[in-house]
């Protein structure tokens, strides 16, 4: 018996020695120096959360606010954005945004993800695999393109939407993302945009406004009932967006650290404050707080805190949420009626105005102990001027290029469906399907 145990011990020792030698000779399976497992795990979760914001979050949020005959068509736009932008991002979008150091556009070093392997990292996120950083940034590009569709819901031809999305992604999103996040001139001069106040929300909002003006009002706008089909879908969508925003803003720290936690707290409190503020305004002016108003206020708070979330303290997030609820309510009511534009789902009023407001407030509230940069309150008034410059560049570029894209697309295919198709509904006229 003792001899058998001795032989077993010797065999185990030999096997252990062989495993050690084999492991030492196969570095491809070893941990990559510099890559942190906790950061990687958190960023995988954050990536999933941000993708969830588009499907199903935005798809449900938008489709719950259109009429029954356009529910499926509205969902189809969000799904199409995921499929198209994912492929384009991997093919060339990531490379043009996050490689190279040009002031206007990135490089071609990662076209079709060339040279990317399990050991590579991006200079912007050195503790996670580059492939994960690429995937995380992909989800931002997806939801930005999908957001624009809300301004032209109920009337845009699906083929025109596909062509517009491709062109807008290439000519608007890629340059703007590089200018601010990829080492371009706006980021170099100090413009602060933690998670997309300019890159995502203002760009989508102002582009949606231009698209709504170019395409004209929906049939019956202003004198027919265009009320939402099923607000319960929109409420569920808001909940998914709210939770997903933890990955959107918290993940923008690109690490599992205290800054990510502070960003998540500020995000949550801003959403709460935005919902309460919008609801309170409606309650005082209309005697009843609407469900649509409360979820709109929550999304306004989420969008407005986005550029500031990694630069401000939680209590400042509450202030930003209160401002967001009030300003975005004003934009979706008085401003919209004053200038008579049919922004179907208030993309400009909520995301455009919210992103603009949040970017300005970042310049006021930025706290050095959290984000390393001081704002007006901490004695650095120049930061507000820098933020205003970033807003101006974003407004001019996005509005001008969006207008040009729409005019070019209209040469190849009509932008909106016919009057008969609009009355029939886009579900049937564009997709041959309908809800029963």
Foldseek 3Di string as FASTA:
>chain_A
DVVVVVVVVVVVVVVVVVVVVVPVVDCVPPDAPQADPQLQVLLVVLLVLLLVLLVPQVLLQLLQWFAQQASVVLSVLSVLLLVVLLVVLLQALVQFQAAPQEQQTHDRCQHNHPPADQRDPGPVQRHYGNVSVSSSVSSLLSVLLSLLVLQVGLWFFPVLSNLLSVLCSVQALSRLSNNCPRNHVLVVVPQFFLQDLLNRQQLSQLLSQLVQVVVDAAVCPPHDDGGGHHCVSSVVSLVSNLSSLLSRQLCSVSGPDPLSVQLNLLLNLLLVLQLVLQQVVCCVPVVGRDPLSSSLRSLLLNLLCRRQSQFAGNVVSNVLSNVSNVQLSCCVPVVCVVVVTRRPNSSNSRRNVSSLNSSLVSQAGGDCVRNNDDHVVVPCPVNNVSSVVSSVVSNVSSSVSSNVSSVVSCVVPNGTDDSVDSVSHCCCVNPNDGDD
